[in-house]
Amino acid sequence: MPLDAETMALEAPGDHKSDIRLWLRLLTCTTLIEGEIRRRLREQFDVTLPRFDLMAQLDKAPEGMTLGEVSKRMMVSNGNVTHVVEKLVASGHIDRRPATHDRRVQIISLTPSGAAEFRAMAKIHEDWVADMFAGLDEQEEAALMALLGKTKISVRTALEAREDRS
């Protein structure tokens, strides 16, 4: 197995500041988990992670959402959402209709069969994630959540400060 960036940085820790090593550890964890989730979704359900993520957003909004709302929640461009929507409409997982307030705006929502299929996938997905975190006890998970929450605030603060300087 090839070495990941984190492992290479740990082999020569003097060459890398602790912030870089931390970033690489976070990236490695994310890449490992996401890669496994993508593989399992593809193999077990013949669905991509973006399709699963879009259905997850719609499952939380039974009244439907606009493409712009989905785009913001998924943090991707409208163009990326449009492509995924087209695939899910074609497969019968979602439907779309014009908004009553503006016929140019499309509202998308899960079909009944799409919702049922998503919920079955979501339960299995939840089990996969639980298996991957099984090596952590409740206290460790809580501590990690707290530290990642603090990290998220730190990142947002840095981004806001950069925007203020612009």
Protein backbone atom coordinates (compact mmCIF):
# COMPACT_ATOMS: atom_id res chain seq x y z
CA MET A 1 0.00 0.00 0.00
CA PRO A 2 1.44 3.42 -0.92
CA LEU A 3 2.17 5.85 1.86
CA ASP A 4 -0.33 8.60 2.44
CA ALA A 5 0.77 12.21 2.95
CA GLU A 6 0.27 11.98 6.70
CA THR A 7 2.54 8.95 7.04
CA MET A 8 5.22 10.61 4.96
CA ALA A 9 5.01 13.74 7.13
CA LEU A 10 5.26 11.66 10.30
CA GLU A 11 8.44 9.99 9.02
CA ALA A 12 10.13 13.40 9.03
CA PRO A 13 8.21 15.39 11.67
CA GLY A 14 10.92 18.04 11.86
CA ASP A 15 10.14 18.93 8.25
CA HIS A 16 6.49 19.72 9.04
CA LYS A 17 4.85 22.01 11.58
CA SER A 18 2.24 20.49 13.88
CA ASP A 19 -0.54 22.39 12.05
CA ILE A 20 0.42 20.70 8.78
CA ARG A 21 0.60 17.28 10.44
CA LEU A 22 -2.85 17.86 11.97
CA TRP A 23 -4.27 18.94 8.60
CA LEU A 24 -2.83 15.83 6.96
CA ARG A 25 -4.29 13.59 9.68
CA LEU A 26 -7.75 15.12 9.19
CA LEU A 27 -7.44 14.80 5.43
CA THR A 28 -6.30 11.18 5.68
CA CYS A 29 -9.21 10.24 7.95
CA THR A 30 -11.70 11.99 5.67
CA THR A 31 -10.25 10.38 2.55
CA LEU A 32 -10.29 6.88 4.08
CA ILE A 33 -13.87 7.15 5.33
CA GLU A 34 -15.23 8.83 2.22
CA GLY A 35 -13.51 6.34 -0.08
CA GLU A 36 -15.01 3.40 1.79
CA ILE A 37 -18.48 4.95 1.86
CA ARG A 38 -18.28 5.66 -1.90
CA ARG A 39 -17.19 2.07 -2.58
CA ARG A 40 -19.96 0.54 -0.48
CA LEU A 41 -22.69 2.77 -1.93
CA ARG A 42 -21.57 1.88 -5.43
CA GLU A 43 -21.28 -1.86 -4.76
CA GLN A 44 -24.39 -2.37 -2.63
CA PHE A 45 -26.80 0.17 -4.11
CA ASP A 46 -25.31 1.27 -7.44
CA VAL A 47 -25.52 4.88 -6.25
CA THR A 48 -22.90 7.62 -6.06
CA LEU A 49 -22.10 9.60 -2.93
CA PRO A 50 -23.39 12.87 -4.49
CA ARG A 51 -26.73 11.18 -5.28
CA PHE A 52 -26.94 9.79 -1.75
CA ASP A 53 -26.08 13.22 -0.29
CA LEU A 54 -28.71 14.96 -2.42
CA MET A 55 -31.37 12.45 -1.37
CA ALA A 56 -30.33 12.99 2.27
CA GLN A 57 -30.94 16.72 1.91
CA LEU A 58 -34.34 16.13 0.34
CA ASP A 59 -35.29 13.61 3.01
CA LYS A 60 -34.98 16.43 5.57
CA ALA A 61 -37.30 18.65 3.50
CA PRO A 62 -40.45 16.71 2.58
CA GLU A 63 -41.98 19.86 1.04
CA GLY A 64 -39.05 19.98 -1.38
CA MET A 65 -36.24 22.41 -2.02
CA THR A 66 -35.05 24.64 -4.83
CA LEU A 67 -31.87 23.74 -6.68
CA GLY A 68 -30.23 26.80 -5.11
CA GLU A 69 -31.11 25.62 -1.60
CA VAL A 70 -29.72 22.15 -2.29
CA SER A 71 -26.60 23.67 -3.80
CA LYS A 72 -25.96 25.77 -0.67
CA ARG A 73 -26.55 22.88 1.71
CA MET A 74 -24.28 20.56 -0.25
CA MET A 75 -21.70 23.32 -0.80
CA VAL A 76 -21.47 22.64 -4.54
CA SER A 77 -22.33 24.63 -7.65
CA ASN A 78 -25.79 24.71 -9.19
CA GLY A 79 -24.30 22.98 -12.23
CA ASN A 80 -23.16 20.02 -10.15
CA VAL A 81 -26.59 19.77 -8.50
CA THR A 82 -28.36 19.95 -11.86
CA HIS A 83 -26.42 16.96 -13.18
CA VAL A 84 -27.18 14.87 -10.08
CA VAL A 85 -30.85 15.93 -10.18
CA GLU A 86 -31.15 14.83 -13.81
CA LYS A 87 -29.86 11.37 -12.92
CA LEU A 88 -32.20 11.04 -9.92
CA VAL A 89 -35.22 12.22 -11.92
CA ALA A 90 -34.40 9.67 -14.63
CA SER A 91 -34.12 6.89 -12.05
CA GLY A 92 -37.45 7.85 -10.45
CA HIS A 93 -35.95 8.82 -7.07
CA ILE A 94 -36.98 12.48 -7.24
CA ASP A 95 -39.45 14.65 -9.06
CA ARG A 96 -39.42 18.33 -9.87
CA ARG A 97 -42.10 20.92 -10.32
CA PRO A 98 -42.17 24.66 -10.90
CA ALA A 99 -42.42 26.83 -7.78
CA THR A 100 -45.79 28.48 -7.29
CA HIS A 101 -44.17 31.88 -6.65
CA ASP A 102 -41.91 31.77 -9.73
CA ARG A 103 -42.37 29.23 -12.51
CA ARG A 104 -38.70 29.61 -13.50
CA VAL A 105 -37.66 28.12 -10.14
CA GLN A 106 -37.75 24.34 -9.84
CA ILE A 107 -38.71 22.55 -6.61
CA ILE A 108 -37.31 19.05 -6.24
CA SER A 109 -38.44 16.39 -3.79
CA LEU A 110 -38.11 12.68 -3.19
CA THR A 111 -40.73 10.45 -4.75
CA PRO A 112 -42.37 7.99 -2.34
CA SER A 113 -40.26 5.15 -3.75
CA GLY A 114 -37.15 7.37 -3.67
CA ALA A 115 -37.78 8.20 0.00
CA ALA A 116 -38.26 4.53 0.89
CA GLU A 117 -35.11 3.50 -0.96
CA PHE A 118 -33.08 6.34 0.55
CA ARG A 119 -34.16 5.49 4.11
CA ALA A 120 -33.14 1.87 3.64
CA MET A 121 -29.74 3.00 2.33
CA ALA A 122 -29.39 5.56 5.14
CA LYS A 123 -29.87 2.91 7.83
CA ILE A 124 -27.15 0.73 6.32
CA HIS A 125 -24.92 3.79 5.82
CA GLU A 126 -25.35 4.63 9.50
CA ASP A 127 -24.22 1.11 10.41
CA TRP A 128 -21.12 1.45 8.18
CA VAL A 129 -20.13 4.69 9.89
CA ALA A 130 -20.71 3.17 13.33
CA ASP A 131 -18.44 0.26 12.39
CA MET A 132 -15.70 2.63 11.27
CA PHE A 133 -15.85 4.53 14.59
CA ALA A 134 -16.22 1.41 16.72
CA GLY A 135 -12.64 1.82 17.97
CA LEU A 136 -13.65 4.99 19.85
CA ASP A 137 -15.62 4.91 23.09
CA GLU A 138 -18.35 7.45 23.92
CA GLN A 139 -15.98 9.76 25.81
CA GLU A 140 -13.48 9.75 22.95
CA GLU A 141 -16.22 10.50 20.43
CA ALA A 142 -17.49 13.37 22.59
CA ALA A 143 -13.97 14.78 22.98
CA LEU A 144 -13.34 14.50 19.24
CA MET A 145 -16.66 16.22 18.48
CA ALA A 146 -15.77 19.06 20.86
CA LEU A 147 -12.32 19.50 19.37
CA LEU A 148 -13.62 19.39 15.81
CA GLY A 149 -16.30 21.93 16.77
CA LYS A 150 -13.60 24.22 18.11
CA THR A 151 -11.60 23.61 14.91
CA LYS A 152 -14.60 24.57 12.78
CA ILE A 153 -14.97 27.84 14.70
CA SER A 154 -11.25 28.53 14.30
CA VAL A 155 -11.40 27.97 10.56
CA ARG A 156 -14.50 30.14 10.15
CA THR A 157 -12.91 32.91 12.23
CA ALA A 158 -9.79 32.83 10.05
CA LEU A 159 -11.90 32.96 6.88
CA GLU A 160 -13.98 35.87 8.18
CA ALA A 161 -10.81 37.76 9.14
CA ARG A 162 -9.43 37.22 5.64
CA GLU A 163 -12.67 38.48 4.12
CA ASP A 164 -12.55 41.55 6.36
CA ARG A 165 -9.05 42.35 5.11
CA SER A 166 -10.17 42.09 1.48
